[in-house]
């Protein structure tokens, strides 16, 4: 499987009478083939307060045109509340160049 990223966009569960939109791209893939995951992280702001989020996706789930990953975590607690999110990456992927080792020290 070629190095790639996934786009994601979805909303958190409602807490404290509001919800947040989570959107972005996953980071580089970690692993190979059917045994890879992606890291994700970001910031979500709403009505004067901000939450940070981060985590790792689940393993790929095969779809008709490729695969998706489950994303499940919570936004960092801010203003005495936190938000839970549980959804999937988009099926479309963006191919990227693999990371290269520029220097090695022994």
PDB file of N, CA and C in Angstrom:
ATOM      1  N   UNK A   1       0.847  -1.169   0.000  1.00  0.00           N
ATOM      2  CA  UNK A   1       0.000   0.000   0.000  1.00  0.00           C
ATOM      3  C   UNK A   1       0.897   1.238   0.000  1.00  0.00           C
ATOM      4  N   UNK A   2       0.547   2.200  -0.802  1.00  0.00           N
ATOM      5  CA  UNK A   2       1.340   3.419  -0.927  1.00  0.00           C
ATOM      6  C   UNK A   2       1.074   4.370   0.239  1.00  0.00           C
ATOM      7  N   UNK A   3       2.095   5.155   0.630  1.00  0.00           N
ATOM      8  CA  UNK A   3       1.881   6.136   1.700  1.00  0.00           C
ATOM      9  C   UNK A   3       0.733   7.090   1.345  1.00  0.00           C
ATOM     10  N   UNK A   4      -0.127   7.340   2.298  1.00  0.00           N
ATOM     11  CA  UNK A   4      -1.302   8.167   2.032  1.00  0.00           C
ATOM     12  C   UNK A   4      -1.815   8.814   3.312  1.00  0.00           C
ATOM     13  N   UNK A   5      -2.725   9.766   3.141  1.00  0.00           N
ATOM     14  CA  UNK A   5      -3.441  10.422   4.234  1.00  0.00           C
ATOM     15  C   UNK A   5      -4.931  10.342   3.951  1.00  0.00           C
ATOM     16  N   UNK A   6      -5.731  10.456   4.986  1.00  0.00           N
ATOM     17  CA  UNK A   6      -7.190  10.489   4.855  1.00  0.00           C
ATOM     18  C   UNK A   6      -7.712  11.831   5.344  1.00  0.00           C
ATOM     19  N   UNK A   7      -8.753  12.314   4.704  1.00  0.00           N
ATOM     20  CA  UNK A   7      -9.459  13.505   5.169  1.00  0.00           C
ATOM     21  C   UNK A   7     -10.537  13.047   6.145  1.00  0.00           C
ATOM     22  N   UNK A   8     -10.877  13.899   7.097  1.00  0.00           N
ATOM     23  CA  UNK A   8     -11.999  13.597   7.985  1.00  0.00           C
ATOM     24  C   UNK A   8     -12.743  14.883   8.320  1.00  0.00           C
ATOM     25  N   UNK A   9     -14.042  14.746   8.503  1.00  0.00           N
ATOM     26  CA  UNK A   9     -14.885  15.867   8.918  1.00  0.00           C
ATOM     27  C   UNK A   9     -16.159  15.302   9.527  1.00  0.00           C
ATOM     28  N   UNK A  10     -16.393  15.621  10.780  1.00  0.00           N
ATOM     29  CA  UNK A  10     -17.609  15.192  11.465  1.00  0.00           C
ATOM     30  C   UNK A  10     -17.793  16.032  12.717  1.00  0.00           C
ATOM     31  N   UNK A  11     -18.881  15.813  13.427  1.00  0.00           N
ATOM     32  CA  UNK A  11     -19.188  16.597  14.624  1.00  0.00           C
ATOM     33  C   UNK A  11     -19.075  15.742  15.877  1.00  0.00           C
ATOM     34  N   UNK A  12     -18.781  16.396  16.987  1.00  0.00           N
ATOM     35  CA  UNK A  12     -18.726  15.711  18.275  1.00  0.00           C
ATOM     36  C   UNK A  12     -20.146  15.512  18.799  1.00  0.00           C
ATOM     37  N   UNK A  13     -20.251  14.772  19.869  1.00  0.00           N
ATOM     38  CA  UNK A  13     -21.526  14.664  20.573  1.00  0.00           C
ATOM     39  C   UNK A  13     -21.788  15.997  21.292  1.00  0.00           C
ATOM     40  N   UNK A  14     -23.054  16.299  21.523  1.00  0.00           N
ATOM     41  CA  UNK A  14     -23.433  17.545  22.197  1.00  0.00           C
ATOM     42  C   UNK A  14     -23.097  17.445  23.687  1.00  0.00           C
ATOM     43  N   UNK A  15     -22.413  18.445  24.194  1.00  0.00           N
ATOM     44  CA  UNK A  15     -22.113  18.589  25.620  1.00  0.00           C
ATOM     45  C   UNK A  15     -22.230  20.066  25.958  1.00  0.00           C
ATOM     46  N   UNK A  16     -22.800  20.383  27.090  1.00  0.00           N
ATOM     47  CA  UNK A  16     -22.931  21.773  27.517  1.00  0.00           C
ATOM     48  C   UNK A  16     -23.689  22.597  26.466  1.00  0.00           C
ATOM     49  N   UNK A  17     -24.684  21.992  25.847  1.00  0.00           N
ATOM     50  CA  UNK A  17     -25.576  22.620  24.860  1.00  0.00           C
ATOM     51  C   UNK A  17     -24.887  23.049  23.560  1.00  0.00           C
ATOM     52  N   UNK A  18     -23.764  22.439  23.222  1.00  0.00           N
ATOM     53  CA  UNK A  18     -23.123  22.740  21.939  1.00  0.00           C
ATOM     54  C   UNK A  18     -22.271  21.549  21.495  1.00  0.00           C
ATOM     55  N   UNK A  19     -21.877  21.588  20.234  1.00  0.00           N
ATOM     56  CA  UNK A  19     -20.986  20.561  19.696  1.00  0.00           C
ATOM     57  C   UNK A  19     -19.909  21.242  18.861  1.00  0.00           C
ATOM     58  N   UNK A  20     -18.862  20.505  18.555  1.00  0.00           N
ATOM     59  CA  UNK A  20     -17.739  21.012  17.770  1.00  0.00           C
ATOM     60  C   UNK A  20     -17.617  20.229  16.471  1.00  0.00           C
ATOM     61  N   UNK A  21     -17.102  20.877  15.442  1.00  0.00           N
ATOM     62  CA  UNK A  21     -16.772  20.202  14.189  1.00  0.00           C
ATOM     63  C   UNK A  21     -15.300  19.820  14.233  1.00  0.00           C
ATOM     64  N   UNK A  22     -15.029  18.579  13.892  1.00  0.00           N
ATOM     65  CA  UNK A  22     -13.664  18.057  13.826  1.00  0.00           C
ATOM     66  C   UNK A  22     -13.338  17.884  12.352  1.00  0.00           C
ATOM     67  N   UNK A  23     -12.272  18.511  11.878  1.00  0.00           N
ATOM     68  CA  UNK A  23     -11.902  18.323  10.479  1.00  0.00           C
ATOM     69  C   UNK A  23     -10.398  18.426  10.309  1.00  0.00           C
ATOM     70  N   UNK A  24      -9.895  17.742   9.289  1.00  0.00           N
ATOM     71  CA  UNK A  24      -8.462  17.767   9.011  1.00  0.00           C
ATOM     72  C   UNK A  24      -8.038  16.574   8.190  1.00  0.00           C
ATOM     73  N   UNK A  25      -6.751  16.315   8.219  1.00  0.00           N
ATOM     74  CA  UNK A  25      -6.158  15.164   7.540  1.00  0.00           C
ATOM     75  C   UNK A  25      -5.387  14.346   8.564  1.00  0.00           C
ATOM     76  N   UNK A  26      -5.413  13.036   8.414  1.00  0.00           N
ATOM     77  CA  UNK A  26      -4.597  12.183   9.267  1.00  0.00           C
ATOM     78  C   UNK A  26      -3.131  12.418   8.929  1.00  0.00           C
ATOM     79  N   UNK A  27      -2.261  11.956   9.796  1.00  0.00           N
ATOM     80  CA  UNK A  27      -0.827  12.047   9.553  1.00  0.00           C
ATOM     81  C   UNK A  27      -0.388  10.838   8.722  1.00  0.00           C
ATOM     82  N   UNK A  28       0.902  10.710   8.507  1.00  0.00           N
ATOM     83  CA  UNK A  28       1.453   9.587   7.743  1.00  0.00           C
ATOM     84  C   UNK A  28       0.971   8.257   8.303  1.00  0.00           C
ATOM     85  N   UNK A  29       0.942   7.243   7.439  1.00  0.00           N
ATOM     86  CA  UNK A  29       0.545   5.919   7.898  1.00  0.00           C
ATOM     87  C   UNK A  29       1.679   5.276   8.687  1.00  0.00           C
ATOM     88  N   UNK A  30       1.304   4.495   9.693  1.00  0.00           N
ATOM     89  CA  UNK A  30       2.247   3.766  10.532  1.00  0.00           C
ATOM     90  C   UNK A  30       1.938   2.295  10.340  1.00  0.00           C
ATOM     91  N   UNK A  31       2.871   1.512   9.849  1.00  0.00           N
ATOM     92  CA  UNK A  31       2.648   0.100   9.583  1.00  0.00           C
ATOM     93  C   UNK A  31       2.639  -0.165   8.088  1.00  0.00           C
ATOM     94  N   UNK A  32       2.185  -1.353   7.703  1.00  0.00           N
ATOM     95  CA  UNK A  32       2.157  -1.739   6.289  1.00  0.00           C
ATOM     96  C   UNK A  32       0.840  -2.422   5.940  1.00  0.00           C
ATOM     97  N   UNK A  33       0.440  -2.275   4.693  1.00  0.00           N
ATOM     98  CA  UNK A  33      -0.737  -2.966   4.164  1.00  0.00           C
ATOM     99  C   UNK A  33      -1.960  -2.863   5.051  1.00  0.00           C
ATOM    100  N   UNK A  34      -2.574  -4.024   5.306  1.00  0.00           N
ATOM    101  CA  UNK A  34      -3.801  -4.078   6.103  1.00  0.00           C
ATOM    102  C   UNK A  34      -3.539  -3.828   7.585  1.00  0.00           C
ATOM    103  N   UNK A  35      -2.276  -3.689   7.964  1.00  0.00           N
ATOM    104  CA  UNK A  35      -1.914  -3.469   9.362  1.00  0.00           C
ATOM    105  C   UNK A  35      -1.291  -2.092   9.551  1.00  0.00           C
ATOM    106  N   UNK A  36      -2.019  -1.066   9.112  1.00  0.00           N
ATOM    107  CA  UNK A  36      -1.524   0.291   9.309  1.00  0.00           C
ATOM    108  C   UNK A  36      -2.575   1.139  10.014  1.00  0.00           C
ATOM    109  N   UNK A  37      -2.088   2.166  10.684  1.00  0.00           N
ATOM    110  CA  UNK A  37      -2.943   3.141  11.351  1.00  0.00           C
ATOM    111  C   UNK A  37      -2.419   4.531  11.005  1.00  0.00           C
ATOM    112  N   UNK A  38      -3.111   5.547  11.450  1.00  0.00           N
ATOM    113  CA  UNK A  38      -2.684   6.929  11.257  1.00  0.00           C
ATOM    114  C   UNK A  38      -2.836   7.682  12.573  1.00  0.00           C
ATOM    115  N   UNK A  39      -1.942   8.614  12.830  1.00  0.00           N
ATOM    116  CA  UNK A  39      -2.108   9.544  13.948  1.00  0.00           C
ATOM    117  C   UNK A  39      -2.980  10.697  13.461  1.00  0.00           C
ATOM    118  N   UNK A  40      -3.678  11.333  14.372  1.00  0.00           N
ATOM    119  CA  UNK A  40      -4.427  12.540  14.029  1.00  0.00           C
ATOM    120  C   UNK A  40      -4.361  13.500  15.211  1.00  0.00           C
ATOM    121  N   UNK A  41      -4.467  14.784  14.926  1.00  0.00           N
ATOM    122  CA  UNK A  41      -4.428  15.794  15.978  1.00  0.00           C
ATOM    123  C   UNK A  41      -4.970  17.100  15.429  1.00  0.00           C
ATOM    124  N   UNK A  42      -5.402  17.972  16.310  1.00  0.00           N
ATOM    125  CA  UNK A  42      -5.911  19.257  15.852  1.00  0.00           C
ATOM    126  C   UNK A  42      -6.492  20.083  16.980  1.00  0.00           C
ATOM    127  N   UNK A  43      -7.122  21.172  16.588  1.00  0.00           N
ATOM    128  CA  UNK A  43      -7.744  22.122  17.503  1.00  0.00           C
ATOM    129  C   UNK A  43      -9.153  22.408  16.990  1.00  0.00           C
ATOM    130  N   UNK A  44     -10.115  22.490  17.890  1.00  0.00           N
ATOM    131  CA  UNK A  44     -11.480  22.839  17.517  1.00  0.00           C
ATOM    132  C   UNK A  44     -11.958  23.968  18.423  1.00  0.00           C
ATOM    133  N   UNK A  45     -12.426  25.052  17.827  1.00  0.00           N
ATOM    134  CA  UNK A  45     -12.901  26.209  18.595  1.00  0.00           C
ATOM    135  C   UNK A  45     -14.384  26.435  18.348  1.00  0.00           C
ATOM    136  N   UNK A  46     -15.063  26.920  19.384  1.00  0.00           N
ATOM    137  CA  UNK A  46     -16.483  27.244  19.265  1.00  0.00           C
ATOM    138  C   UNK A  46     -16.827  28.273  20.329  1.00  0.00           C
ATOM    139  N   UNK A  47     -17.426  29.355  19.935  1.00  0.00           N
ATOM    140  CA  UNK A  47     -17.992  30.339  20.853  1.00  0.00           C
ATOM    141  C   UNK A  47     -17.021  30.748  21.971  1.00  0.00           C
ATOM    142  N   UNK A  48     -15.799  31.072  21.592  1.00  0.00           N
ATOM    143  CA  UNK A  48     -14.851  31.600  22.560  1.00  0.00           C
ATOM    144  C   UNK A  48     -14.055  30.601  23.371  1.00  0.00           C
ATOM    145  N   UNK A  49     -14.181  29.318  23.112  1.00  0.00           N
ATOM    146  CA  UNK A  49     -13.323  28.367  23.807  1.00  0.00           C
ATOM    147  C   UNK A  49     -12.773  27.336  22.830  1.00  0.00           C
ATOM    148  N   UNK A  50     -11.646  26.759  23.198  1.00  0.00           N
ATOM    149  CA  UNK A  50     -10.900  25.872  22.309  1.00  0.00           C
ATOM    150  C   UNK A  50     -10.647  24.535  22.983  1.00  0.00           C
ATOM    151  N   UNK A  51     -10.707  23.467  22.199  1.00  0.00           N
ATOM    152  CA  UNK A  51     -10.347  22.126  22.657  1.00  0.00           C
ATOM    153  C   UNK A  51      -9.275  21.572  21.722  1.00  0.00           C
ATOM    154  N   UNK A  52      -8.304  20.876  22.277  1.00  0.00           N
ATOM    155  CA  UNK A  52      -7.309  20.156  21.490  1.00  0.00           C
ATOM    156  C   UNK A  52      -7.729  18.696  21.426  1.00  0.00           C
ATOM    157  N   UNK A  53      -7.325  18.012  20.354  1.00  0.00           N
ATOM    158  CA  UNK A  53      -7.606  16.586  20.259  1.00  0.00           C
ATOM    159  C   UNK A  53      -6.451  15.874  19.576  1.00  0.00           C
ATOM    160  N   UNK A  54      -6.301  14.586  19.871  1.00  0.00           N
ATOM    161  CA  UNK A  54      -5.278  13.765  19.227  1.00  0.00           C
ATOM    162  C   UNK A  54      -5.615  12.303  19.462  1.00  0.00           C
ATOM    163  N   UNK A  55      -5.000  11.441  18.675  1.00  0.00           N
ATOM    164  CA  UNK A  55      -5.219  10.017  18.836  1.00  0.00           C
ATOM    165  C   UNK A  55      -4.691   9.235  17.654  1.00  0.00           C
ATOM    166  N   UNK A  56      -5.044   7.968  17.624  1.00  0.00           N
ATOM    167  CA  UNK A  56      -4.676   7.071  16.532  1.00  0.00           C
ATOM    168  C   UNK A  56      -5.941   6.442  15.979  1.00  0.00           C
ATOM    169  N   UNK A  57      -5.971   6.254  14.670  1.00  0.00           N
ATOM    170  CA  UNK A  57      -7.116   5.588  14.050  1.00  0.00           C
ATOM    171  C   UNK A  57      -7.059   4.094  14.348  1.00  0.00           C
ATOM    172  N   UNK A  58      -8.139   3.412  14.027  1.00  0.00           N
ATOM    173  CA  UNK A  58      -8.129   1.963  14.064  1.00  0.00           C
ATOM    174  C   UNK A  58      -7.503   1.428  12.778  1.00  0.00           C
ATOM    175  N   UNK A  59      -7.394   0.106  12.672  1.00  0.00           N
ATOM    176  CA  UNK A  59      -6.886  -0.516  11.446  1.00  0.00           C
ATOM    177  C   UNK A  59      -7.860  -0.263  10.296  1.00  0.00           C
ATOM    178  N   UNK A  60      -7.424  -0.415   9.042  1.00  0.00           N
ATOM    179  CA  UNK A  60      -8.301  -0.140   7.903  1.00  0.00           C
ATOM    180  C   UNK A  60      -9.506  -1.078   7.856  1.00  0.00           C
ATOM    181  N   UNK A  61     -10.631  -0.521   7.459  1.00  0.00           N
ATOM    182  CA  UNK A  61     -11.857  -1.286   7.230  1.00  0.00           C
ATOM    183  C   UNK A  61     -12.139  -1.232   5.739  1.00  0.00           C
ATOM    184  N   UNK A  62     -12.138  -2.373   5.093  1.00  0.00           N
ATOM    185  CA  UNK A  62     -12.301  -2.462   3.641  1.00  0.00           C
ATOM    186  C   UNK A  62     -13.658  -1.916   3.216  1.00  0.00           C
ATOM    187  N   UNK A  63     -13.649  -1.139   2.146  1.00  0.00           N
ATOM    188  CA  UNK A  63     -14.877  -0.614   1.550  1.00  0.00           C
ATOM    189  C   UNK A  63     -14.876  -0.976   0.069  1.00  0.00           C
ATOM    190  N   UNK A  64     -15.943  -0.651  -0.603  1.00  0.00           N
ATOM    191  CA  UNK A  64     -16.074  -0.978  -2.023  1.00  0.00           C
ATOM    192  C   UNK A  64     -14.967  -0.343  -2.867  1.00  0.00           C
ATOM    193  N   UNK A  65     -14.570   0.872  -2.510  1.00  0.00           N
ATOM    194  CA  UNK A  65     -13.576   1.594  -3.315  1.00  0.00           C
ATOM    195  C   UNK A  65     -12.253   1.829  -2.603  1.00  0.00           C
ATOM    196  N   UNK A  66     -11.981   1.131  -1.538  1.00  0.00           N
ATOM    197  CA  UNK A  66     -10.730   1.343  -0.811  1.00  0.00           C
ATOM    198  C   UNK A  66     -10.858   0.949   0.642  1.00  0.00           C
ATOM    199  N   UNK A  67     -10.621   1.899   1.537  1.00  0.00           N
ATOM    200  CA  UNK A  67     -10.745   1.624   2.964  1.00  0.00           C
ATOM    201  C   UNK A  67     -10.964   2.917   3.751  1.00  0.00           C
ATOM    202  N   UNK A  68     -11.432   2.747   4.983  1.00  0.00           N
ATOM    203  CA  UNK A  68     -11.625   3.842   5.924  1.00  0.00           C
ATOM    204  C   UNK A  68     -11.015   3.426   7.259  1.00  0.00           C
ATOM    205  N   UNK A  69     -10.923   4.363   8.189  1.00  0.00           N
ATOM    206  CA  UNK A  69     -10.426   4.076   9.531  1.00  0.00           C
ATOM    207  C   UNK A  69     -11.393   4.658  10.552  1.00  0.00           C
ATOM    208  N   UNK A  70     -11.596   3.938  11.645  1.00  0.00           N
ATOM    209  CA  UNK A  70     -12.414   4.454  12.737  1.00  0.00           C
ATOM    210  C   UNK A  70     -11.586   5.457  13.537  1.00  0.00           C
ATOM    211  N   UNK A  71     -12.220   6.566  13.901  1.00  0.00           N
ATOM    212  CA  UNK A  71     -11.600   7.587  14.748  1.00  0.00           C
ATOM    213  C   UNK A  71     -12.472   7.740  15.987  1.00  0.00           C
ATOM    214  N   UNK A  72     -11.862   7.579  17.144  1.00  0.00           N
ATOM    215  CA  UNK A  72     -12.631   7.604  18.387  1.00  0.00           C
ATOM    216  C   UNK A  72     -11.761   8.208  19.488  1.00  0.00           C
ATOM    217  N   UNK A  73     -12.235   9.265  20.109  1.00  0.00           N
ATOM    218  CA  UNK A  73     -11.477   9.899  21.188  1.00  0.00           C
ATOM    219  C   UNK A  73     -12.359  10.949  21.854  1.00  0.00           C
ATOM    220  N   UNK A  74     -11.738  11.878  22.536  1.00  0.00           N
ATOM    221  CA  UNK A  74     -12.466  12.982  23.150  1.00  0.00           C
ATOM    222  C   UNK A  74     -11.639  14.243  23.029  1.00  0.00           C
ATOM    223  N   UNK A  75     -12.334  15.373  22.983  1.00  0.00           N
ATOM    224  CA  UNK A  75     -11.640  16.653  22.983  1.00  0.00           C
ATOM    225  C   UNK A  75     -11.147  16.920  24.401  1.00  0.00           C
ATOM    226  N   UNK A  76     -10.000  17.534  24.502  1.00  0.00           N
ATOM    227  CA  UNK A  76      -9.423  17.876  25.795  1.00  0.00           C
ATOM    228  C   UNK A  76     -10.423  18.685  26.622  1.00  0.00           C
ATOM    229  N   UNK A  77     -10.456  18.433  27.906  1.00  0.00           N
ATOM    230  CA  UNK A  77     -11.378  19.134  28.802  1.00  0.00           C
ATOM    231  C   UNK A  77     -11.019  20.616  28.908  1.00  0.00           C
ATOM    232  N   UNK A  78     -11.983  21.477  28.616  1.00  0.00           N
ATOM    233  CA  UNK A  78     -11.822  22.926  28.689  1.00  0.00           C
ATOM    234  C   UNK A  78     -13.137  23.515  29.186  1.00  0.00           C
ATOM    235  N   UNK A  79     -13.081  24.568  29.932  1.00  0.00           N
ATOM    236  CA  UNK A  79     -14.287  25.224  30.458  1.00  0.00           C
ATOM    237  C   UNK A  79     -15.196  24.223  31.168  1.00  0.00           C
ATOM    238  N   UNK A  80     -14.583  23.301  31.898  1.00  0.00           N
ATOM    239  CA  UNK A  80     -15.294  22.319  32.717  1.00  0.00           C
ATOM    240  C   UNK A  80     -16.156  21.343  31.923  1.00  0.00           C
ATOM    241  N   UNK A  81     -15.790  21.081  30.681  1.00  0.00           N
ATOM    242  CA  UNK A  81     -16.507  20.063  29.920  1.00  0.00           C
ATOM    243  C   UNK A  81     -15.597  19.489  28.837  1.00  0.00           C
ATOM    244  N   UNK A  82     -15.979  18.357  28.301  1.00  0.00           N
ATOM    245  CA  UNK A  82     -15.260  17.728  27.191  1.00  0.00           C
ATOM    246  C   UNK A  82     -16.277  17.128  26.232  1.00  0.00           C
ATOM    247  N   UNK A  83     -15.841  16.831  25.032  1.00  0.00           N
ATOM    248  CA  UNK A  83     -16.710  16.277  23.995  1.00  0.00           C
ATOM    249  C   UNK A  83     -16.147  14.953  23.505  1.00  0.00           C
ATOM    250  N   UNK A  84     -17.019  13.999  23.282  1.00  0.00           N
ATOM    251  CA  UNK A  84     -16.632  12.697  22.742  1.00  0.00           C
ATOM    252  C   UNK A  84     -16.921  12.692  21.253  1.00  0.00           C
ATOM    253  N   UNK A  85     -16.041  12.054  20.474  1.00  0.00           N
ATOM    254  CA  UNK A  85     -16.334  11.868  19.056  1.00  0.00           C
ATOM    255  C   UNK A  85     -16.025  10.439  18.648  1.00  0.00           C
ATOM    256  N   UNK A  86     -16.801   9.965  17.688  1.00  0.00           N
ATOM    257  CA  UNK A  86     -16.683   8.594  17.194  1.00  0.00           C
ATOM    258  C   UNK A  86     -17.208   8.596  15.769  1.00  0.00           C
ATOM    259  N   UNK A  87     -16.317   8.403  14.798  1.00  0.00           N
ATOM    260  CA  UNK A  87     -16.723   8.416  13.398  1.00  0.00           C
ATOM    261  C   UNK A  87     -15.637   7.759  12.557  1.00  0.00           C
ATOM    262  N   UNK A  88     -15.667   7.994  11.246  1.00  0.00           N
ATOM    263  CA  UNK A  88     -14.728   7.358  10.322  1.00  0.00           C
ATOM    264  C   UNK A  88     -14.092   8.385   9.400  1.00  0.00           C
ATOM    265  N   UNK A  89     -12.889   8.073   8.932  1.00  0.00           N
ATOM    266  CA  UNK A  89     -12.237   8.909   7.928  1.00  0.00           C
ATOM    267  C   UNK A  89     -13.006   8.792   6.623  1.00  0.00           C
ATOM    268  N   UNK A  90     -12.733   9.705   5.698  1.00  0.00           N
ATOM    269  CA  UNK A  90     -13.293   9.583   4.351  1.00  0.00           C
ATOM    270  C   UNK A  90     -12.609   8.433   3.628  1.00  0.00           C
ATOM    271  N   UNK A  91     -13.300   7.904   2.646  1.00  0.00           N
ATOM    272  CA  UNK A  91     -12.749   6.808   1.850  1.00  0.00           C
ATOM    273  C   UNK A  91     -11.665   7.306   0.898  1.00  0.00           C
ATOM    274  N   UNK A  92     -11.833   8.528   0.395  1.00  0.00           N
ATOM    275  CA  UNK A  92     -10.835   9.086  -0.519  1.00  0.00           C
ATOM    276  C   UNK A  92      -9.527   9.306   0.228  1.00  0.00           C
ATOM    277  N   UNK A  93      -8.424   8.994  -0.444  1.00  0.00           N
ATOM    278  CA  UNK A  93      -7.116   9.186   0.168  1.00  0.00           C
ATOM    279  C   UNK A  93      -6.263  10.096  -0.695  1.00  0.00           C
ATOM    280  N   UNK A  94      -5.277  10.692  -0.082  1.00  0.00           N
ATOM    281  CA  UNK A  94      -4.326  11.545  -0.785  1.00  0.00           C
ATOM    282  C   UNK A  94      -2.967  10.870  -0.691  1.00  0.00           C
ATOM    283  N   UNK A  95      -2.405  10.511  -1.838  1.00  0.00           N
ATOM    284  CA  UNK A  95      -1.100   9.861  -1.840  1.00  0.00           C
ATOM    285  C   UNK A  95      -0.016  10.882  -1.560  1.00  0.00           C
ATOM    286  N   UNK A  96       0.990  10.477  -0.804  1.00  0.00           N
ATOM    287  CA  UNK A  96       2.081  11.368  -0.420  1.00  0.00           C
ATOM    288  C   UNK A  96       3.412  10.660  -0.626  1.00  0.00           C
ATOM    289  N   UNK A  97       4.468  11.435  -0.680  1.00  0.00           N
ATOM    290  CA  UNK A  97       5.799  10.850  -0.785  1.00  0.00           C
ATOM    291  C   UNK A  97       6.179  10.236   0.554  1.00  0.00           C
ATOM    292  N   UNK A  98       6.865   9.100   0.528  1.00  0.00           N
ATOM    293  CA  UNK A  98       7.276   8.488   1.797  1.00  0.00           C
ATOM    294  C   UNK A  98       8.303   9.361   2.512  1.00  0.00           C
ATOM    295  N   UNK A  99       8.333   9.256   3.824  1.00  0.00           N
ATOM    296  CA  UNK A  99       9.348   9.976   4.598  1.00  0.00           C
ATOM    297  C   UNK A  99      10.708   9.375   4.274  1.00  0.00           C
ATOM    298  N   UNK A 100      11.711  10.227   4.189  1.00  0.00           N
ATOM    299  CA  UNK A 100      13.061   9.748   3.906  1.00  0.00           C
ATOM    300  C   UNK A 100      13.967  10.091   5.072  1.00  0.00           C
ATOM    301  N   UNK A 101      14.925   9.212   5.297  1.00  0.00           N
ATOM    302  CA  UNK A 101      15.924   9.450   6.320  1.00  0.00           C
ATOM    303  C   UNK A 101      16.976  10.381   5.737  1.00  0.00           C
ATOM    304  N   UNK A 102      17.136  11.559   6.314  1.00  0.00           N
ATOM    305  CA  UNK A 102      18.094  12.531   5.790  1.00  0.00           C
ATOM    306  C   UNK A 102      19.475  12.364   6.406  1.00  0.00           C
ATOM    307  N   UNK A 103      19.539  12.036   7.682  1.00  0.00           N
ATOM    308  CA  UNK A 103      20.815  11.852   8.367  1.00  0.00           C
ATOM    309  C   UNK A 103      20.681  10.720   9.368  1.00  0.00           C
ATOM    310  N   UNK A 104      21.751  10.018   9.540  1.00  0.00           N
ATOM    311  CA  UNK A 104      21.784   8.962  10.552  1.00  0.00           C
ATOM    312  C   UNK A 104      23.063   9.124  11.363  1.00  0.00           C
ATOM    313  N   UNK A 105      22.928   9.115  12.652  1.00  0.00           N
ATOM    314  CA  UNK A 105      24.089   9.243  13.530  1.00  0.00           C
ATOM    315  C   UNK A 105      24.296   7.929  14.258  1.00  0.00           C
ATOM    316  N   UNK A 106      25.545   7.528  14.340  1.00  0.00           N
ATOM    317  CA  UNK A 106      25.871   6.266  15.024  1.00  0.00           C
ATOM    318  C   UNK A 106      26.787   6.564  16.196  1.00  0.00           C
TER     319      UNK A 106
END
